Amino acid sequence: MTETQRVSRGTPRKWSSTEGVRTEFLDAARKVFAKRGFSDASVTEVVDQAGASVGSLYHHFGSKTDLFIALWERHHKEQQAIAAEAVAKARATGTTEPFDLFVAGSRAYLGATWPRRGLVKIFSLGDTPPGFQSKQREGSRAWIANNFRLLGAEDEAVQRALVFLATSFLGEARREIANARTAKEARELVAAMTEVIERMRPMFAATLADRHNERIT
């Protein structure tokens, strides 16, 4: 009996059902990759964990590499959503200063690391498929571009460098938090890393002010 037949005797799966199957595979893959890493993880173990078939997995993802990348894409989108929600809430309470919004998003992003530490470790330990680092760099460029707009920076070398510096720091800070030994230590690291971000404020303010003064003189 095929997967489609198991659903409704010959009636094709609806899109929502397809998404449900993909979610089950991704949740299973999260557990297996966290336990085995990419190289030692087997498709069979993922399938067993999901309670599905090998054919179904390959139908939805094509390969173990595609499954790994799909898991990262979901993780990346969820992280972006966490930060965006925090920025939206800050705006809703009247916050308008760009750096304050950046701090709000950064704090939420870092604060979500501990409960998601397994995923962070999966994607930062180096046991990843060929081509994955290129995908990560693509995601990092998009993240930097988002922060560039959020901070109201201009397309100028020093400001580009500052946004790159702040965004890269967040990535490294997240890895440190993920490696914390306890939830308490993770919370302390979030507070410390957020304080470091706050200390970048004068540097951003001075640079933006300098460029503004140059335009009007």
N, C-alpha and C. Protein backbone atom coordinates (compact mmCIF):
# COMPACT_ATOMS: atom_id res chain seq x y z
N MET A 1 0.85 -1.20 0.00
CA MET A 1 0.00 0.00 0.00
C MET A 1 0.88 1.24 0.00
N THR A 2 0.59 2.20 -0.85
CA THR A 2 1.41 3.41 -0.95
C THR A 2 1.05 4.37 0.17
N GLU A 3 1.92 5.39 0.32
CA GLU A 3 1.66 6.39 1.36
C GLU A 3 0.34 7.10 1.09
N THR A 4 0.07 7.43 -0.20
CA THR A 4 -1.17 8.12 -0.53
C THR A 4 -2.38 7.25 -0.24
N GLN A 5 -2.27 5.93 -0.53
CA GLN A 5 -3.38 5.03 -0.26
C GLN A 5 -3.65 4.91 1.23
N ARG A 6 -2.58 4.95 2.02
CA ARG A 6 -2.77 4.87 3.47
C ARG A 6 -3.57 6.05 3.99
N VAL A 7 -3.46 7.20 3.27
CA VAL A 7 -4.17 8.39 3.74
C VAL A 7 -5.66 8.29 3.45
N SER A 8 -6.03 7.96 2.19
CA SER A 8 -7.46 7.95 1.90
C SER A 8 -7.80 7.13 0.65
N ARG A 9 -7.23 5.98 0.52
CA ARG A 9 -7.61 5.04 -0.53
C ARG A 9 -7.61 5.67 -1.92
N GLY A 10 -6.48 6.24 -2.31
CA GLY A 10 -6.36 6.73 -3.67
C GLY A 10 -6.57 8.23 -3.80
N THR A 11 -7.03 8.89 -2.75
CA THR A 11 -7.17 10.34 -2.80
C THR A 11 -5.83 10.98 -2.55
N PRO A 12 -5.33 11.86 -3.45
CA PRO A 12 -4.01 12.46 -3.26
C PRO A 12 -3.94 13.25 -1.97
N ARG A 13 -2.73 13.27 -1.38
CA ARG A 13 -2.53 14.05 -0.16
C ARG A 13 -2.82 15.52 -0.42
N LYS A 14 -3.44 16.18 0.54
CA LYS A 14 -3.58 17.62 0.48
C LYS A 14 -2.26 18.25 0.89
N TRP A 15 -2.12 19.54 0.56
CA TRP A 15 -0.87 20.23 0.88
C TRP A 15 -0.58 20.20 2.37
N SER A 16 -1.63 20.36 3.19
CA SER A 16 -1.42 20.38 4.64
C SER A 16 -0.88 19.04 5.12
N SER A 17 -1.34 17.94 4.50
CA SER A 17 -0.84 16.63 4.88
C SER A 17 0.62 16.49 4.49
N THR A 18 0.97 16.99 3.31
CA THR A 18 2.36 16.95 2.86
C THR A 18 3.24 17.71 3.84
N GLU A 19 2.79 18.88 4.26
CA GLU A 19 3.57 19.65 5.21
C GLU A 19 3.69 18.92 6.54
N GLY A 20 2.63 18.22 6.91
CA GLY A 20 2.68 17.45 8.15
C GLY A 20 3.72 16.34 8.09
N VAL A 21 3.79 15.65 6.94
CA VAL A 21 4.79 14.60 6.77
C VAL A 21 6.20 15.18 6.80
N ARG A 22 6.40 16.30 6.13
CA ARG A 22 7.71 16.96 6.13
C ARG A 22 8.12 17.35 7.55
N THR A 23 7.16 17.86 8.30
CA THR A 23 7.44 18.26 9.68
C THR A 23 7.87 17.06 10.52
N GLU A 24 7.18 15.94 10.32
CA GLU A 24 7.54 14.73 11.07
C GLU A 24 8.96 14.28 10.73
N PHE A 25 9.30 14.34 9.45
CA PHE A 25 10.67 13.96 9.06
C PHE A 25 11.70 14.93 9.63
N LEU A 26 11.39 16.21 9.60
CA LEU A 26 12.34 17.20 10.12
C LEU A 26 12.51 17.05 11.63
N ASP A 27 11.43 16.79 12.34
CA ASP A 27 11.53 16.58 13.79
C ASP A 27 12.36 15.33 14.10
N ALA A 28 12.16 14.29 13.30
CA ALA A 28 12.95 13.07 13.49
C ALA A 28 14.41 13.32 13.16
N ALA A 29 14.66 14.05 12.08
CA ALA A 29 16.03 14.35 11.66
C ALA A 29 16.75 15.17 12.72
N ARG A 30 16.04 16.07 13.36
CA ARG A 30 16.63 16.89 14.43
C ARG A 30 17.19 15.99 15.52
N LYS A 31 16.45 14.98 15.91
CA LYS A 31 16.91 14.07 16.97
C LYS A 31 18.10 13.23 16.51
N VAL A 32 18.01 12.73 15.29
CA VAL A 32 19.07 11.83 14.80
C VAL A 32 20.35 12.59 14.53
N PHE A 33 20.28 13.75 13.89
CA PHE A 33 21.48 14.53 13.61
C PHE A 33 22.13 15.02 14.91
N ALA A 34 21.30 15.36 15.90
CA ALA A 34 21.84 15.79 17.19
C ALA A 34 22.60 14.65 17.87
N LYS A 35 22.13 13.44 17.68
CA LYS A 35 22.74 12.28 18.31
C LYS A 35 23.95 11.77 17.54
N ARG A 36 23.87 11.75 16.21
CA ARG A 36 24.88 11.10 15.38
C ARG A 36 25.79 12.05 14.62
N GLY A 37 25.34 13.31 14.43
CA GLY A 37 26.03 14.17 13.47
C GLY A 37 25.55 13.82 12.07
N PHE A 38 26.02 14.56 11.06
CA PHE A 38 25.55 14.29 9.71
C PHE A 38 26.14 13.00 9.15
N SER A 39 27.43 12.83 9.28
CA SER A 39 28.11 11.70 8.62
C SER A 39 27.60 10.35 9.11
N ASP A 40 27.40 10.22 10.42
CA ASP A 40 27.02 8.93 10.99
C ASP A 40 25.51 8.72 11.05
N ALA A 41 24.75 9.74 10.75
CA ALA A 41 23.29 9.59 10.75
C ALA A 41 22.87 8.77 9.55
N SER A 42 21.89 7.93 9.73
CA SER A 42 21.39 7.11 8.63
C SER A 42 19.95 7.47 8.31
N VAL A 43 19.63 7.38 7.03
CA VAL A 43 18.26 7.62 6.60
C VAL A 43 17.31 6.63 7.28
N THR A 44 17.77 5.40 7.45
CA THR A 44 16.94 4.38 8.09
C THR A 44 16.54 4.78 9.50
N GLU A 45 17.48 5.35 10.26
CA GLU A 45 17.16 5.76 11.62
C GLU A 45 16.17 6.92 11.63
N VAL A 46 16.32 7.85 10.70
CA VAL A 46 15.37 8.97 10.60
C VAL A 46 13.97 8.44 10.28
N VAL A 47 13.92 7.52 9.32
CA VAL A 47 12.63 6.93 8.91
C VAL A 47 11.98 6.19 10.08
N ASP A 48 12.77 5.42 10.81
CA ASP A 48 12.25 4.70 11.96
C ASP A 48 11.71 5.66 13.02
N GLN A 49 12.45 6.74 13.22
CA GLN A 49 12.04 7.73 14.21
C GLN A 49 10.73 8.41 13.80
N ALA A 50 10.56 8.60 12.48
CA ALA A 50 9.36 9.27 11.98
C ALA A 50 8.20 8.30 11.79
N GLY A 51 8.49 7.00 11.82
CA GLY A 51 7.44 6.02 11.60
C GLY A 51 6.92 6.03 10.18
N ALA A 52 7.84 6.23 9.22
CA ALA A 52 7.45 6.32 7.82
C ALA A 52 8.27 5.35 7.00
N SER A 53 8.37 5.60 5.69
CA SER A 53 9.12 4.72 4.81
C SER A 53 10.27 5.48 4.16
N VAL A 54 11.29 4.73 3.72
CA VAL A 54 12.43 5.33 3.04
C VAL A 54 11.96 6.03 1.77
N GLY A 55 11.05 5.38 1.05
CA GLY A 55 10.54 5.98 -0.18
C GLY A 55 9.86 7.31 0.06
N SER A 56 9.12 7.39 1.17
CA SER A 56 8.45 8.65 1.51
C SER A 56 9.47 9.75 1.79
N LEU A 57 10.53 9.41 2.52
CA LEU A 57 11.55 10.42 2.82
C LEU A 57 12.18 10.94 1.54
N TYR A 58 12.55 10.04 0.65
CA TYR A 58 13.18 10.48 -0.60
C TYR A 58 12.20 11.24 -1.49
N HIS A 59 10.93 10.93 -1.37
CA HIS A 59 9.92 11.67 -2.13
C HIS A 59 9.87 13.12 -1.67
N HIS A 60 9.98 13.33 -0.37
CA HIS A 60 9.84 14.68 0.18
C HIS A 60 11.14 15.47 0.20
N PHE A 61 12.28 14.79 0.28
CA PHE A 61 13.54 15.51 0.44
C PHE A 61 14.62 15.15 -0.58
N GLY A 62 14.57 14.01 -1.18
CA GLY A 62 15.52 13.67 -2.23
C GLY A 62 16.79 13.00 -1.73
N SER A 63 17.33 13.47 -0.60
CA SER A 63 18.59 12.91 -0.10
C SER A 63 18.77 13.31 1.36
N LYS A 64 19.74 12.67 2.01
CA LYS A 64 20.06 13.04 3.39
C LYS A 64 20.57 14.47 3.46
N THR A 65 21.33 14.89 2.46
CA THR A 65 21.81 16.27 2.41
C THR A 65 20.66 17.25 2.31
N ASP A 66 19.69 16.95 1.43
CA ASP A 66 18.52 17.83 1.30
C ASP A 66 17.75 17.91 2.61
N LEU A 67 17.66 16.80 3.32
CA LEU A 67 16.97 16.78 4.60
C LEU A 67 17.70 17.67 5.61
N PHE A 68 19.02 17.58 5.65
CA PHE A 68 19.82 18.39 6.56
C PHE A 68 19.64 19.87 6.26
N ILE A 69 19.70 20.23 4.99
CA ILE A 69 19.56 21.63 4.60
C ILE A 69 18.15 22.14 4.90
N ALA A 70 17.15 21.29 4.68
CA ALA A 70 15.77 21.69 4.99
C ALA A 70 15.61 21.94 6.49
N LEU A 71 16.28 21.13 7.31
CA LEU A 71 16.23 21.33 8.76
C LEU A 71 16.88 22.65 9.12
N TRP A 72 18.00 22.97 8.50
CA TRP A 72 18.66 24.26 8.75
C TRP A 72 17.78 25.42 8.30
N GLU A 73 17.15 25.30 7.14
CA GLU A 73 16.30 26.37 6.64
C GLU A 73 15.14 26.64 7.60
N ARG A 74 14.56 25.58 8.14
CA ARG A 74 13.48 25.77 9.11
C ARG A 74 14.00 26.47 10.35
N HIS A 75 15.15 26.01 10.84
CA HIS A 75 15.78 26.62 12.02
C HIS A 75 16.09 28.09 11.77
N HIS A 76 16.64 28.40 10.61
CA HIS A 76 17.01 29.76 10.26
C HIS A 76 15.77 30.67 10.21
N LYS A 77 14.70 30.19 9.59
CA LYS A 77 13.47 30.98 9.51
C LYS A 77 12.86 31.20 10.88
N GLU A 78 12.91 30.18 11.73
CA GLU A 78 12.36 30.32 13.08
C GLU A 78 13.15 31.34 13.89
N GLN A 79 14.47 31.33 13.73
CA GLN A 79 15.30 32.32 14.44
C GLN A 79 14.96 33.73 13.97
N GLN A 80 14.82 33.90 12.65
CA GLN A 80 14.48 35.21 12.12
C GLN A 80 13.12 35.68 12.66
N ALA A 81 12.18 34.74 12.75
CA ALA A 81 10.85 35.08 13.23
C ALA A 81 10.88 35.51 14.70
N ILE A 82 11.72 34.86 15.50
CA ILE A 82 11.85 35.21 16.92
C ILE A 82 12.35 36.64 17.07
N ALA A 83 13.39 36.99 16.31
CA ALA A 83 13.94 38.35 16.37
C ALA A 83 12.94 39.37 15.83
N ALA A 84 12.28 39.04 14.72
CA ALA A 84 11.33 39.97 14.10
C ALA A 84 10.14 40.24 15.03
N GLU A 85 9.68 39.20 15.73
CA GLU A 85 8.57 39.38 16.66
C GLU A 85 8.96 40.32 17.80
N ALA A 86 10.21 40.17 18.29
CA ALA A 86 10.67 41.04 19.37
C ALA A 86 10.77 42.49 18.90
N VAL A 87 11.24 42.69 17.68
CA VAL A 87 11.32 44.05 17.12
C VAL A 87 9.93 44.64 16.96
N ALA A 88 8.99 43.83 16.47
CA ALA A 88 7.61 44.30 16.28
C ALA A 88 6.98 44.69 17.63
N LYS A 89 7.23 43.89 18.66
CA LYS A 89 6.69 44.20 19.99
C LYS A 89 7.30 45.50 20.53
N ALA A 90 8.60 45.69 20.29
CA ALA A 90 9.25 46.92 20.75
C ALA A 90 8.65 48.13 20.04
N ARG A 91 8.42 47.99 18.75
CA ARG A 91 7.80 49.10 17.99
C ARG A 91 6.39 49.39 18.51
N ALA A 92 5.67 48.32 18.84
CA ALA A 92 4.29 48.47 19.31
C ALA A 92 4.22 49.22 20.64
N THR A 93 5.30 49.15 21.42
CA THR A 93 5.33 49.86 22.71
C THR A 93 5.94 51.26 22.58
N GLY A 94 6.22 51.68 21.34
CA GLY A 94 6.69 53.04 21.11
C GLY A 94 8.18 53.20 20.85
N THR A 95 8.91 52.11 20.81
CA THR A 95 10.35 52.20 20.54
C THR A 95 10.57 52.51 19.06
N THR A 96 11.35 53.53 18.79
CA THR A 96 11.61 53.92 17.40
C THR A 96 13.10 54.01 17.07
N GLU A 97 13.93 54.18 18.09
CA GLU A 97 15.37 54.33 17.85
C GLU A 97 15.92 53.02 17.26
N PRO A 98 16.58 53.08 16.10
CA PRO A 98 17.03 51.86 15.44
C PRO A 98 17.90 50.95 16.30
N PHE A 99 18.81 51.51 17.07
CA PHE A 99 19.68 50.64 17.86
C PHE A 99 18.91 49.96 18.98
N ASP A 100 17.91 50.64 19.56
CA ASP A 100 17.07 50.00 20.57
C ASP A 100 16.32 48.81 19.97
N LEU A 101 15.85 48.97 18.75
CA LEU A 101 15.16 47.87 18.06
C LEU A 101 16.12 46.72 17.80
N PHE A 102 17.35 47.06 17.42
CA PHE A 102 18.37 46.03 17.18
C PHE A 102 18.67 45.26 18.46
N VAL A 103 18.77 45.97 19.57
CA VAL A 103 19.03 45.32 20.87
C VAL A 103 17.86 44.41 21.24
N ALA A 104 16.64 44.86 21.01
CA ALA A 104 15.46 44.04 21.33
C ALA A 104 15.48 42.75 20.53
N GLY A 105 15.76 42.84 19.24
CA GLY A 105 15.84 41.64 18.41
C GLY A 105 16.98 40.73 18.81
N SER A 106 18.13 41.34 19.14
CA SER A 106 19.31 40.56 19.53
C SER A 106 19.08 39.82 20.83
N ARG A 107 18.47 40.50 21.78
CA ARG A 107 18.20 39.86 23.09
C ARG A 107 17.28 38.64 22.92
N ALA A 108 16.25 38.79 22.11
CA ALA A 108 15.33 37.67 21.87
C ALA A 108 16.03 36.53 21.14
N TYR A 109 16.83 36.88 20.16
CA TYR A 109 17.56 35.89 19.38
C TYR A 109 18.50 35.08 20.28
N LEU A 110 19.25 35.77 21.12
CA LEU A 110 20.17 35.08 22.02
C LEU A 110 19.41 34.31 23.10
N GLY A 111 18.32 34.89 23.58
CA GLY A 111 17.54 34.23 24.63
C GLY A 111 16.91 32.92 24.18
N ALA A 112 16.68 32.80 22.87
CA ALA A 112 16.08 31.57 22.34
C ALA A 112 17.11 30.47 22.10
N THR A 113 18.38 30.76 22.33
CA THR A 113 19.43 29.81 22.00
C THR A 113 19.42 28.57 22.89
N TRP A 114 19.27 28.77 24.19
CA TRP A 114 19.38 27.64 25.11
C TRP A 114 18.35 26.54 24.81
N PRO A 115 17.06 26.87 24.67
CA PRO A 115 16.11 25.80 24.34
C PRO A 115 16.31 25.20 22.95
N ARG A 116 17.07 25.89 22.10
CA ARG A 116 17.33 25.40 20.75
C ARG A 116 18.79 24.98 20.58
N ARG A 117 19.48 24.75 21.71
CA ARG A 117 20.92 24.52 21.66
C ARG A 117 21.30 23.29 20.84
N GLY A 118 20.43 22.28 20.83
CA GLY A 118 20.73 21.09 20.04
C GLY A 118 20.86 21.43 18.57
N LEU A 119 19.96 22.24 18.07
CA LEU A 119 20.02 22.65 16.66
C LEU A 119 21.24 23.51 16.40
N VAL A 120 21.53 24.44 17.29
CA VAL A 120 22.70 25.31 17.11
C VAL A 120 23.97 24.46 16.99
N LYS A 121 24.07 23.46 17.83
CA LYS A 121 25.26 22.59 17.80
C LYS A 121 25.32 21.77 16.51
N ILE A 122 24.19 21.28 16.05
CA ILE A 122 24.16 20.50 14.82
C ILE A 122 24.81 21.28 13.68
N PHE A 123 24.49 22.57 13.59
CA PHE A 123 24.92 23.36 12.44
C PHE A 123 26.25 24.07 12.66
N SER A 124 26.84 23.95 13.84
CA SER A 124 28.09 24.67 14.10
C SER A 124 29.26 23.76 14.42
N LEU A 125 29.06 22.44 14.47
CA LEU A 125 30.14 21.53 14.85
C LEU A 125 31.05 21.15 13.69
N GLY A 126 30.63 21.46 12.47
CA GLY A 126 31.49 21.18 11.32
C GLY A 126 31.18 19.88 10.60
N ASP A 127 30.41 18.97 11.23
CA ASP A 127 30.04 17.72 10.57
C ASP A 127 28.79 17.98 9.74
N THR A 128 29.00 18.58 8.59
CA THR A 128 27.90 19.00 7.73
C THR A 128 28.17 18.53 6.30
N PRO A 129 27.14 18.46 5.47
CA PRO A 129 27.32 17.96 4.10
C PRO A 129 28.04 18.96 3.21
N PRO A 130 28.62 18.50 2.11
CA PRO A 130 29.25 19.41 1.14
C PRO A 130 28.26 20.45 0.65
N GLY A 131 28.72 21.68 0.56
CA GLY A 131 27.87 22.76 0.08
C GLY A 131 27.07 23.46 1.16
N PHE A 132 27.07 22.89 2.38
CA PHE A 132 26.26 23.50 3.44
C PHE A 132 26.82 24.85 3.88
N GLN A 133 28.14 24.96 3.95
CA GLN A 133 28.73 26.23 4.38
C GLN A 133 28.38 27.36 3.43
N SER A 134 28.28 27.04 2.15
CA SER A 134 27.86 28.05 1.18
C SER A 134 26.43 28.51 1.48
N LYS A 135 25.58 27.56 1.84
CA LYS A 135 24.20 27.88 2.20
C LYS A 135 24.17 28.75 3.45
N GLN A 136 25.01 28.44 4.42
CA GLN A 136 25.08 29.24 5.63
C GLN A 136 25.54 30.67 5.33
N ARG A 137 26.54 30.79 4.46
CA ARG A 137 27.03 32.13 4.11
C ARG A 137 25.93 32.95 3.44
N GLU A 138 25.15 32.29 2.61
CA GLU A 138 24.03 32.96 1.96
C GLU A 138 23.04 33.47 3.01
N GLY A 139 22.75 32.64 4.02
CA GLY A 139 21.86 33.06 5.09
C GLY A 139 22.45 34.20 5.90
N SER A 140 23.75 34.17 6.13
CA SER A 140 24.42 35.23 6.89
C SER A 140 24.36 36.56 6.14
N ARG A 141 24.53 36.51 4.83
CA ARG A 141 24.44 37.75 4.04
C ARG A 141 23.05 38.36 4.13
N ALA A 142 22.02 37.50 4.10
CA ALA A 142 20.65 38.01 4.21
C ALA A 142 20.41 38.59 5.60
N TRP A 143 20.97 37.96 6.63
CA TRP A 143 20.83 38.44 8.01
C TRP A 143 21.50 39.80 8.17
N ILE A 144 22.70 39.94 7.62
CA ILE A 144 23.41 41.21 7.68
C ILE A 144 22.60 42.30 6.97
N ALA A 145 22.03 41.96 5.82
CA ALA A 145 21.22 42.93 5.07
C ALA A 145 20.01 43.38 5.89
N ASN A 146 19.38 42.44 6.60
CA ASN A 146 18.24 42.79 7.45
C ASN A 146 18.65 43.75 8.56
N ASN A 147 19.79 43.46 9.20
CA ASN A 147 20.26 44.32 10.28
C ASN A 147 20.70 45.68 9.74
N PHE A 148 21.23 45.69 8.54
CA PHE A 148 21.63 46.94 7.89
C PHE A 148 20.42 47.87 7.76
N ARG A 149 19.31 47.30 7.31
CA ARG A 149 18.08 48.10 7.17
C ARG A 149 17.53 48.50 8.53
N LEU A 150 17.53 47.56 9.47
CA LEU A 150 16.99 47.84 10.80
C LEU A 150 17.74 48.99 11.47
N LEU A 151 19.05 49.01 11.32
CA LEU A 151 19.88 50.02 11.97
C LEU A 151 19.90 51.34 11.21
N GLY A 152 19.30 51.37 10.03
CA GLY A 152 19.30 52.61 9.25
C GLY A 152 20.67 52.99 8.76
N ALA A 153 21.52 51.99 8.53
CA ALA A 153 22.89 52.26 8.08
C ALA A 153 22.89 52.64 6.60
N GLU A 154 23.96 53.30 6.19
CA GLU A 154 24.12 53.69 4.80
C GLU A 154 25.14 52.78 4.12
N ASP A 155 25.06 52.74 2.81
CA ASP A 155 25.95 51.88 2.04
C ASP A 155 27.33 52.52 1.94
N GLU A 156 28.02 52.46 3.05
CA GLU A 156 29.33 53.10 3.19
C GLU A 156 30.23 52.14 3.96
N ALA A 157 31.51 52.14 3.65
CA ALA A 157 32.42 51.09 4.13
C ALA A 157 32.41 50.91 5.65
N VAL A 158 32.53 52.00 6.41
CA VAL A 158 32.62 51.88 7.86
C VAL A 158 31.31 51.34 8.44
N GLN A 159 30.19 51.84 7.94
CA GLN A 159 28.90 51.37 8.45
C GLN A 159 28.65 49.91 8.07
N ARG A 160 29.04 49.54 6.87
CA ARG A 160 28.92 48.13 6.48
C ARG A 160 29.75 47.26 7.41
N ALA A 161 30.95 47.72 7.74
CA ALA A 161 31.83 46.95 8.62
C ALA A 161 31.24 46.82 10.03
N LEU A 162 30.63 47.88 10.52
CA LEU A 162 30.04 47.84 11.86
C LEU A 162 28.86 46.87 11.92
N VAL A 163 28.02 46.89 10.90
CA VAL A 163 26.88 45.96 10.89
C VAL A 163 27.38 44.53 10.78
N PHE A 164 28.39 44.32 9.97
CA PHE A 164 28.99 42.98 9.86
C PHE A 164 29.55 42.53 11.20
N LEU A 165 30.23 43.44 11.89
CA LEU A 165 30.83 43.13 13.19
C LEU A 165 29.75 42.73 14.20
N ALA A 166 28.68 43.52 14.29
CA ALA A 166 27.63 43.25 15.26
C ALA A 166 26.90 41.94 14.95
N THR A 167 26.63 41.71 13.67
CA THR A 167 25.92 40.49 13.28
C THR A 167 26.79 39.26 13.51
N SER A 168 28.06 39.35 13.17
CA SER A 168 28.98 38.23 13.38
C SER A 168 29.13 37.92 14.87
N PHE A 169 29.15 38.97 15.69
CA PHE A 169 29.24 38.76 17.13
C PHE A 169 28.05 37.96 17.64
N LEU A 170 26.86 38.25 17.14
CA LEU A 170 25.68 37.52 17.57
C LEU A 170 25.79 36.04 17.25
N GLY A 171 26.34 35.73 16.07
CA GLY A 171 26.52 34.33 15.70
C GLY A 171 27.47 33.60 16.63
N GLU A 172 28.59 34.26 16.98
CA GLU A 172 29.55 33.64 17.90
C GLU A 172 28.98 33.55 19.31
N ALA A 173 28.25 34.59 19.72
CA ALA A 173 27.65 34.59 21.06
C ALA A 173 26.67 33.43 21.19
N ARG A 174 25.90 33.19 20.15
CA ARG A 174 24.93 32.09 20.17
C ARG A 174 25.63 30.75 20.40
N ARG A 175 26.78 30.56 19.76
CA ARG A 175 27.50 29.29 19.94
C ARG A 175 27.99 29.13 21.38
N GLU A 176 28.45 30.23 21.98
CA GLU A 176 28.89 30.16 23.38
C GLU A 176 27.72 29.81 24.30
N ILE A 177 26.59 30.42 24.05
CA ILE A 177 25.41 30.16 24.89
C ILE A 177 24.97 28.70 24.74
N ALA A 178 25.01 28.20 23.51
CA ALA A 178 24.60 26.81 23.26
C ALA A 178 25.48 25.82 24.01
N ASN A 179 26.72 26.21 24.28
CA ASN A 179 27.67 25.32 24.96
C ASN A 179 27.67 25.52 26.48
N ALA A 180 26.77 26.35 26.98
CA ALA A 180 26.68 26.54 28.42
C ALA A 180 26.34 25.22 29.11
N ARG A 181 26.77 25.08 30.35
CA ARG A 181 26.55 23.83 31.07
C ARG A 181 25.17 23.76 31.72
N THR A 182 24.60 24.92 32.03
CA THR A 182 23.29 24.94 32.70
C THR A 182 22.46 26.08 32.13
N ALA A 183 21.15 26.03 32.41
CA ALA A 183 20.26 27.11 31.97
C ALA A 183 20.64 28.43 32.64
N LYS A 184 21.07 28.35 33.90
CA LYS A 184 21.49 29.56 34.63
C LYS A 184 22.70 30.19 33.95
N GLU A 185 23.67 29.37 33.60
CA GLU A 185 24.85 29.90 32.92
C GLU A 185 24.46 30.50 31.57
N ALA A 186 23.53 29.86 30.88
CA ALA A 186 23.07 30.38 29.59
C ALA A 186 22.43 31.75 29.75
N ARG A 187 21.61 31.92 30.79
CA ARG A 187 20.96 33.22 31.03
C ARG A 187 22.00 34.29 31.34
N GLU A 188 23.01 33.92 32.11
CA GLU A 188 24.08 34.87 32.43
C GLU A 188 24.84 35.28 31.17
N LEU A 189 25.06 34.32 30.29
CA LEU A 189 25.75 34.63 29.04
C LEU A 189 24.90 35.53 28.14
N VAL A 190 23.60 35.28 28.11
CA VAL A 190 22.71 36.15 27.32
C VAL A 190 22.81 37.58 27.82
N ALA A 191 22.77 37.74 29.14
CA ALA A 191 22.87 39.09 29.72
C ALA A 191 24.21 39.73 29.38
N ALA A 192 25.29 38.96 29.48
CA ALA A 192 26.62 39.49 29.20
C ALA A 192 26.77 39.85 27.72
N MET A 193 26.30 39.00 26.85
CA MET A 193 26.41 39.26 25.41
C MET A 193 25.55 40.46 25.00
N THR A 194 24.39 40.60 25.62
CA THR A 194 23.54 41.75 25.33
C THR A 194 24.22 43.04 25.79
N GLU A 195 24.93 42.97 26.92
CA GLU A 195 25.67 44.13 27.41
C GLU A 195 26.78 44.51 26.42
N VAL A 196 27.42 43.53 25.83
CA VAL A 196 28.45 43.83 24.83
C VAL A 196 27.82 44.55 23.63
N ILE A 197 26.65 44.08 23.20
CA ILE A 197 25.95 44.75 22.11
C ILE A 197 25.64 46.20 22.49
N GLU A 198 25.17 46.40 23.73
CA GLU A 198 24.88 47.76 24.20
C GLU A 198 26.12 48.66 24.13
N ARG A 199 27.28 48.08 24.41
CA ARG A 199 28.51 48.88 24.40
C ARG A 199 28.94 49.27 22.98
N MET A 200 28.31 48.66 21.99
CA MET A 200 28.58 49.06 20.61
C MET A 200 27.78 50.31 20.22
N ARG A 201 26.79 50.67 21.05
CA ARG A 201 25.91 51.79 20.73
C ARG A 201 26.66 53.08 20.42
N PRO A 202 27.60 53.52 21.29
CA PRO A 202 28.30 54.78 21.00
C PRO A 202 29.05 54.75 19.67
N MET A 203 29.60 53.59 19.34
CA MET A 203 30.34 53.47 18.09
C MET A 203 29.41 53.67 16.89
N PHE A 204 28.24 53.05 16.94
CA PHE A 204 27.26 53.23 15.87
C PHE A 204 26.78 54.67 15.81
N ALA A 205 26.47 55.23 16.98
CA ALA A 205 25.95 56.60 17.03
C ALA A 205 26.96 57.59 16.48
N ALA A 206 28.23 57.43 16.86
CA ALA A 206 29.26 58.35 16.39
C ALA A 206 29.45 58.25 14.88
N THR A 207 29.44 57.03 14.38
CA THR A 207 29.65 56.84 12.95
C THR A 207 28.50 57.42 12.14
N LEU A 208 27.27 57.16 12.58
CA LEU A 208 26.11 57.70 11.87
C LEU A 208 26.09 59.22 11.93
N ALA A 209 26.47 59.77 13.09
CA ALA A 209 26.50 61.23 13.24
C ALA A 209 27.57 61.85 12.35
N ASP A 210 28.74 61.21 12.30
CA ASP A 210 29.82 61.72 11.45
C ASP A 210 29.39 61.77 9.99
N ARG A 211 28.73 60.71 9.53
CA ARG A 211 28.31 60.69 8.13
C ARG A 211 27.22 61.74 7.87
N HIS A 212 26.35 61.93 8.87
CA HIS A 212 25.29 62.95 8.72
C HIS A 212 25.92 64.35 8.63
N ASN A 213 26.92 64.61 9.47
CA ASN A 213 27.58 65.93 9.45
C ASN A 213 28.32 66.15 8.14
N GLU A 214 28.91 65.08 7.60
CA GLU A 214 29.63 65.22 6.34
C GLU A 214 28.69 65.61 5.21
N ARG A 215 27.44 65.12 5.28
CA ARG A 215 26.49 65.42 4.21
C ARG A 215 26.01 66.86 4.24
N ILE A 216 25.96 67.46 5.45
CA ILE A 216 25.40 68.81 5.54
C ILE A 216 26.48 69.89 5.54
N THR A 217 27.77 69.51 5.50
CA THR A 217 28.83 70.53 5.47
C THR A 217 29.36 70.67 4.06
